[in-house]
Amino acid sequence: MKMYYVRHGQTDWNLARKMQGGQTERNLNETGKEQAEQTRQELADVKYDIIICSPMERAKETARIISQGRNVPMITDERLRERKLGEMEGNPITEECEKLIWDYNKNVEIKGGESLSEFEKRVLDFLEEAKNKYENDTILVVAHGGVAKVIKSYLYGKPKDNNLNNYQMKNCEIIEAEF
């Protein structure tokens, strides 16, 4: 399987550096729409067989923009939803907080949210199933920065300090991988 992974375009909460998890819906802002359009142009010569995206609106909107003019099926998968951050959603992003919640050594339980190990399990379940189901296909996956952290850890190995915060991804950045 060949996979192109794209993080969704910018939202106002990305811009304001607020915790935007899997329980908070935010649409793309104008910059996010422009980023998705730029990604569509960057992928213009790439043939993919299916688009699989998070059920969250910011990911679906990004996927719709990227796939304009193509007759490619798009499905959503709940396992690609951003990590549920519970009571932390909407709070300002601080470096200290980011390091804490993405640290495998701490595996912090977030009130009303999910632990890193729970989140990792569902993302890796998706990845393993996709590798088998689409083994001869090229897929475009559109999801979130947190999902990208888990996928990067899978592709490149866990960081030496066991902290996934080392694996940042910009809005509409593309990862290409072959399994």
C-alpha atoms as a PDB file:
ATOM      1  CA  MET A   1       0.000   0.000   0.000  1.00  0.00           C
ATOM      2  CA  LYS A   2       1.107   3.489  -0.737  1.00  0.00           C
ATOM      3  CA  MET A   3      -0.245   6.234   1.490  1.00  0.00           C
ATOM      4  CA  TYR A   4      -0.303   9.999   1.261  1.00  0.00           C
ATOM      5  CA  TYR A   5      -1.148  11.467   4.642  1.00  0.00           C
ATOM      6  CA  VAL A   6      -2.324  15.091   4.891  1.00  0.00           C
ATOM      7  CA  ARG A   7      -3.066  17.040   8.033  1.00  0.00           C
ATOM      8  CA  HIS A   8      -6.182  19.214   7.708  1.00  0.00           C
ATOM      9  CA  GLY A   9      -5.928  22.905   6.831  1.00  0.00           C
ATOM     10  CA  GLN A  10      -5.733  25.685   9.392  1.00  0.00           C
ATOM     11  CA  THR A  11      -8.635  26.592  11.688  1.00  0.00           C
ATOM     12  CA  ASP A  12      -9.019  29.665  13.860  1.00  0.00           C
ATOM     13  CA  TRP A  13      -8.069  27.554  16.893  1.00  0.00           C
ATOM     14  CA  ASN A  14      -4.826  26.454  15.186  1.00  0.00           C
ATOM     15  CA  LEU A  15      -4.074  30.114  14.599  1.00  0.00           C
ATOM     16  CA  ALA A  16      -4.936  31.064  18.199  1.00  0.00           C
ATOM     17  CA  ARG A  17      -2.896  28.086  19.529  1.00  0.00           C
ATOM     18  CA  LYS A  18      -5.815  26.482  21.355  1.00  0.00           C
ATOM     19  CA  MET A  19      -6.073  22.766  22.165  1.00  0.00           C
ATOM     20  CA  GLN A  20      -8.236  21.361  19.385  1.00  0.00           C
ATOM     21  CA  GLY A  21      -9.073  17.749  20.048  1.00  0.00           C
ATOM     22  CA  GLY A  22     -11.497  15.131  18.850  1.00  0.00           C
ATOM     23  CA  GLN A  23     -14.489  16.543  20.691  1.00  0.00           C
ATOM     24  CA  THR A  24     -14.419  20.064  19.256  1.00  0.00           C
ATOM     25  CA  GLU A  25     -15.594  20.889  15.737  1.00  0.00           C
ATOM     26  CA  ARG A  26     -13.906  23.793  13.997  1.00  0.00           C
ATOM     27  CA  ASN A  27     -14.122  24.611  10.305  1.00  0.00           C
ATOM     28  CA  LEU A  28     -11.246  25.695   8.112  1.00  0.00           C
ATOM     29  CA  ASN A  29     -10.538  29.398   8.024  1.00  0.00           C
ATOM     30  CA  GLU A  30      -9.639  31.156   4.755  1.00  0.00           C
ATOM     31  CA  THR A  31      -5.959  30.303   5.168  1.00  0.00           C
ATOM     32  CA  GLY A  32      -6.910  26.655   5.732  1.00  0.00           C
ATOM     33  CA  LYS A  33      -8.955  26.611   2.528  1.00  0.00           C
ATOM     34  CA  GLU A  34      -6.023  28.126   0.626  1.00  0.00           C
ATOM     35  CA  GLN A  35      -3.676  25.520   2.141  1.00  0.00           C
ATOM     36  CA  ALA A  36      -6.002  22.724   1.012  1.00  0.00           C
ATOM     37  CA  GLU A  37      -6.132  24.205  -2.490  1.00  0.00           C
ATOM     38  CA  GLN A  38      -2.323  24.346  -2.570  1.00  0.00           C
ATOM     39  CA  THR A  39      -2.204  20.709  -1.470  1.00  0.00           C
ATOM     40  CA  ARG A  40      -4.667  19.818  -4.245  1.00  0.00           C
ATOM     41  CA  GLN A  41      -2.237  21.366  -6.730  1.00  0.00           C
ATOM     42  CA  GLU A  42       0.753  19.566  -5.155  1.00  0.00           C
ATOM     43  CA  LEU A  43      -1.075  16.236  -5.501  1.00  0.00           C
ATOM     44  CA  ALA A  44      -2.426  16.957  -8.987  1.00  0.00           C
ATOM     45  CA  ASP A  45      -0.245  14.298 -10.622  1.00  0.00           C
ATOM     46  CA  VAL A  46      -0.737  11.709  -7.878  1.00  0.00           C
ATOM     47  CA  LYS A  47      -3.202   8.924  -8.584  1.00  0.00           C
ATOM     48  CA  TYR A  48      -4.956   7.633  -5.475  1.00  0.00           C
ATOM     49  CA  ASP A  49      -7.742   5.072  -5.346  1.00  0.00           C
ATOM     50  CA  ILE A  50      -9.635   6.149  -2.252  1.00  0.00           C
ATOM     51  CA  ILE A  51      -9.711   8.959   0.295  1.00  0.00           C
ATOM     52  CA  ILE A  52     -10.090   7.989   3.940  1.00  0.00           C
ATOM     53  CA  CYS A  53     -10.568  10.828   6.372  1.00  0.00           C
ATOM     54  CA  SER A  54     -11.460  11.681   9.902  1.00  0.00           C
ATOM     55  CA  PRO A  55     -15.187  12.256  10.456  1.00  0.00           C
ATOM     56  CA  MET A  56     -14.400  15.732  11.790  1.00  0.00           C
ATOM     57  CA  GLU A  57     -15.492  18.600   9.567  1.00  0.00           C
ATOM     58  CA  ARG A  58     -12.043  20.242   9.264  1.00  0.00           C
ATOM     59  CA  ALA A  59     -10.641  17.012   7.815  1.00  0.00           C
ATOM     60  CA  LYS A  60     -13.624  16.343   5.537  1.00  0.00           C
ATOM     61  CA  GLU A  61     -13.540  19.912   4.212  1.00  0.00           C
ATOM     62  CA  THR A  62      -9.808  19.579   3.483  1.00  0.00           C
ATOM     63  CA  ALA A  63     -10.399  16.253   1.711  1.00  0.00           C
ATOM     64  CA  ARG A  64     -13.237  17.717  -0.394  1.00  0.00           C
ATOM     65  CA  ILE A  65     -11.042  20.596  -1.558  1.00  0.00           C
ATOM     66  CA  ILE A  66      -8.078  18.327  -2.338  1.00  0.00           C
ATOM     67  CA  SER A  67     -10.242  15.919  -4.339  1.00  0.00           C
ATOM     68  CA  GLN A  68     -12.108  18.524  -6.423  1.00  0.00           C
ATOM     69  CA  GLY A  69     -12.333  17.445 -10.045  1.00  0.00           C
ATOM     70  CA  ARG A  70     -11.634  13.781  -9.268  1.00  0.00           C
ATOM     71  CA  ASN A  71     -14.001  10.868  -9.212  1.00  0.00           C
ATOM     72  CA  VAL A  72     -12.469   9.166  -6.169  1.00  0.00           C
ATOM     73  CA  PRO A  73     -14.575   7.648  -3.391  1.00  0.00           C
ATOM     74  CA  MET A  74     -14.246   9.197   0.058  1.00  0.00           C
ATOM     75  CA  ILE A  75     -15.053   7.433   3.307  1.00  0.00           C
ATOM     76  CA  THR A  76     -14.656   8.473   6.917  1.00  0.00           C
ATOM     77  CA  ASP A  77     -13.185   6.353   9.686  1.00  0.00           C
ATOM     78  CA  GLU A  78     -13.822   7.126  13.351  1.00  0.00           C
ATOM     79  CA  ARG A  79     -10.354   5.815  14.254  1.00  0.00           C
ATOM     80  CA  LEU A  80      -8.856   8.856  12.470  1.00  0.00           C
ATOM     81  CA  ARG A  81     -10.635  11.314  14.778  1.00  0.00           C
ATOM     82  CA  GLU A  82      -8.229  13.598  16.664  1.00  0.00           C
ATOM     83  CA  ARG A  83      -7.279  12.554  20.188  1.00  0.00           C
ATOM     84  CA  LYS A  84     -10.043  13.377  22.629  1.00  0.00           C
ATOM     85  CA  LEU A  85      -8.625  15.951  25.020  1.00  0.00           C
ATOM     86  CA  GLY A  86     -11.638  16.282  27.320  1.00  0.00           C
ATOM     87  CA  GLU A  87     -11.483  19.272  29.645  1.00  0.00           C
ATOM     88  CA  MET A  88      -8.279  20.492  27.957  1.00  0.00           C
ATOM     89  CA  GLU A  89     -10.027  21.294  24.663  1.00  0.00           C
ATOM     90  CA  GLY A  90     -10.107  25.020  24.032  1.00  0.00           C
ATOM     91  CA  ASN A  91      -7.287  25.748  26.492  1.00  0.00           C
ATOM     92  CA  PRO A  92      -4.169  27.578  25.280  1.00  0.00           C
ATOM     93  CA  ILE A  93      -1.417  25.321  23.954  1.00  0.00           C
ATOM     94  CA  THR A  94       1.727  25.532  26.036  1.00  0.00           C
ATOM     95  CA  GLU A  95       4.994  23.728  25.409  1.00  0.00           C
ATOM     96  CA  GLU A  96       4.810  22.187  28.887  1.00  0.00           C
ATOM     97  CA  CYS A  97       1.308  20.820  28.284  1.00  0.00           C
ATOM     98  CA  GLU A  98       2.186  19.465  24.837  1.00  0.00           C
ATOM     99  CA  LYS A  99       5.221  17.624  26.207  1.00  0.00           C
ATOM    100  CA  LEU A 100       3.150  16.206  29.053  1.00  0.00           C
ATOM    101  CA  ILE A 101       0.212  14.819  27.053  1.00  0.00           C
ATOM    102  CA  TRP A 102       2.380  13.260  24.304  1.00  0.00           C
ATOM    103  CA  ASP A 103       4.834  11.531  26.670  1.00  0.00           C
ATOM    104  CA  TYR A 104       4.672   7.716  26.592  1.00  0.00           C
ATOM    105  CA  ASN A 105       6.529   7.604  29.915  1.00  0.00           C
ATOM    106  CA  LYS A 106       3.709   9.511  31.618  1.00  0.00           C
ATOM    107  CA  ASN A 107       0.654   8.278  29.607  1.00  0.00           C
ATOM    108  CA  VAL A 108      -1.436  11.028  31.212  1.00  0.00           C
ATOM    109  CA  GLU A 109      -5.108  10.364  31.808  1.00  0.00           C
ATOM    110  CA  ILE A 110      -7.048  13.402  30.602  1.00  0.00           C
ATOM    111  CA  LYS A 111     -10.348  14.014  32.399  1.00  0.00           C
ATOM    112  CA  GLY A 112     -13.080  13.401  29.833  1.00  0.00           C
ATOM    113  CA  GLY A 113     -10.482  12.495  27.204  1.00  0.00           C
ATOM    114  CA  GLU A 114      -8.318   9.561  26.230  1.00  0.00           C
ATOM    115  CA  SER A 115      -4.841   8.460  27.210  1.00  0.00           C
ATOM    116  CA  LEU A 116      -1.994   8.342  24.719  1.00  0.00           C
ATOM    117  CA  SER A 117      -2.022   4.528  24.751  1.00  0.00           C
ATOM    118  CA  GLU A 118      -5.784   4.426  23.994  1.00  0.00           C
ATOM    119  CA  PHE A 119      -5.354   6.929  21.181  1.00  0.00           C
ATOM    120  CA  GLU A 120      -2.334   5.127  19.743  1.00  0.00           C
ATOM    121  CA  LYS A 121      -4.192   1.809  19.736  1.00  0.00           C
ATOM    122  CA  ARG A 122      -7.087   3.100  17.651  1.00  0.00           C
ATOM    123  CA  VAL A 123      -4.822   4.840  15.114  1.00  0.00           C
ATOM    124  CA  LEU A 124      -2.616   1.764  14.746  1.00  0.00           C
ATOM    125  CA  ASP A 125      -5.728  -0.445  14.398  1.00  0.00           C
ATOM    126  CA  PHE A 126      -6.743   1.736  11.454  1.00  0.00           C
ATOM    127  CA  LEU A 127      -3.266   1.556   9.915  1.00  0.00           C
ATOM    128  CA  GLU A 128      -3.010  -2.244  10.207  1.00  0.00           C
ATOM    129  CA  GLU A 129      -6.450  -2.746   8.684  1.00  0.00           C
ATOM    130  CA  ALA A 130      -5.717  -0.297   5.857  1.00  0.00           C
ATOM    131  CA  LYS A 131      -2.434  -2.060   5.028  1.00  0.00           C
ATOM    132  CA  ASN A 132      -4.328  -5.325   4.551  1.00  0.00           C
ATOM    133  CA  LYS A 133      -7.467  -3.983   2.906  1.00  0.00           C
ATOM    134  CA  TYR A 134      -5.686  -1.642   0.477  1.00  0.00           C
ATOM    135  CA  GLU A 135      -2.421  -3.552   0.027  1.00  0.00           C
ATOM    136  CA  ASN A 136      -2.330  -2.954  -3.747  1.00  0.00           C
ATOM    137  CA  ASP A 137      -3.787   0.556  -3.685  1.00  0.00           C
ATOM    138  CA  THR A 138      -2.725   4.130  -3.139  1.00  0.00           C
ATOM    139  CA  ILE A 139      -4.738   5.874  -0.448  1.00  0.00           C
ATOM    140  CA  LEU A 140      -5.050   9.490   0.602  1.00  0.00           C
ATOM    141  CA  VAL A 141      -5.600   9.880   4.337  1.00  0.00           C
ATOM    142  CA  VAL A 142      -6.734  13.252   5.692  1.00  0.00           C
ATOM    143  CA  ALA A 143      -6.764  13.664   9.440  1.00  0.00           C
ATOM    144  CA  HIS A 144      -5.061  15.534  12.289  1.00  0.00           C
ATOM    145  CA  GLY A 145      -1.764  16.491  13.856  1.00  0.00           C
ATOM    146  CA  GLY A 146      -2.173  14.020  16.715  1.00  0.00           C
ATOM    147  CA  VAL A 147      -2.926  11.157  14.333  1.00  0.00           C
ATOM    148  CA  ALA A 148       0.178  12.172  12.370  1.00  0.00           C
ATOM    149  CA  LYS A 149       2.304  11.907  15.533  1.00  0.00           C
ATOM    150  CA  VAL A 150       1.277   8.254  15.963  1.00  0.00           C
ATOM    151  CA  ILE A 151       1.804   7.475  12.275  1.00  0.00           C
ATOM    152  CA  LYS A 152       5.234   9.142  12.278  1.00  0.00           C
ATOM    153  CA  SER A 153       6.153   7.125  15.374  1.00  0.00           C
ATOM    154  CA  TYR A 154       5.105   3.966  13.527  1.00  0.00           C
ATOM    155  CA  LEU A 155       7.088   4.925  10.409  1.00  0.00           C
ATOM    156  CA  TYR A 156      10.221   6.365  12.009  1.00  0.00           C
ATOM    157  CA  GLY A 157      10.240   4.746  15.446  1.00  0.00           C
ATOM    158  CA  LYS A 158       9.439   6.264  18.798  1.00  0.00           C
ATOM    159  CA  PRO A 159      11.579   9.280  19.679  1.00  0.00           C
ATOM    160  CA  LYS A 160      14.479   8.539  22.027  1.00  0.00           C
ATOM    161  CA  ASP A 161      12.762  10.439  24.841  1.00  0.00           C
ATOM    162  CA  ASN A 162       9.437   8.620  24.183  1.00  0.00           C
ATOM    163  CA  ASN A 163       7.666  11.919  23.537  1.00  0.00           C
ATOM    164  CA  LEU A 164       5.550  12.214  20.400  1.00  0.00           C
ATOM    165  CA  ASN A 165       5.598  15.984  20.653  1.00  0.00           C
ATOM    166  CA  ASN A 166       8.848  15.666  18.679  1.00  0.00           C
ATOM    167  CA  TYR A 167       6.744  14.697  15.637  1.00  0.00           C
ATOM    168  CA  GLN A 168       5.005  17.929  14.691  1.00  0.00           C
ATOM    169  CA  MET A 169       3.188  18.362  11.374  1.00  0.00           C
ATOM    170  CA  LYS A 170       2.100  21.611   9.746  1.00  0.00           C
ATOM    171  CA  ASN A 171      -1.397  22.162   8.402  1.00  0.00           C
ATOM    172  CA  CYS A 172      -1.742  20.510   4.979  1.00  0.00           C
ATOM    173  CA  GLU A 173       1.754  19.039   5.153  1.00  0.00           C
ATOM    174  CA  ILE A 174       2.048  15.759   3.240  1.00  0.00           C
ATOM    175  CA  ILE A 175       3.711  12.518   4.371  1.00  0.00           C
ATOM    176  CA  GLU A 176       4.311   9.851   1.737  1.00  0.00           C
ATOM    177  CA  ALA A 177       4.828   6.246   2.873  1.00  0.00           C
ATOM    178  CA  GLU A 178       4.899   2.791   1.364  1.00  0.00           C
ATOM    179  CA  PHE A 179       4.037  -0.382   3.278  1.00  0.00           C
END
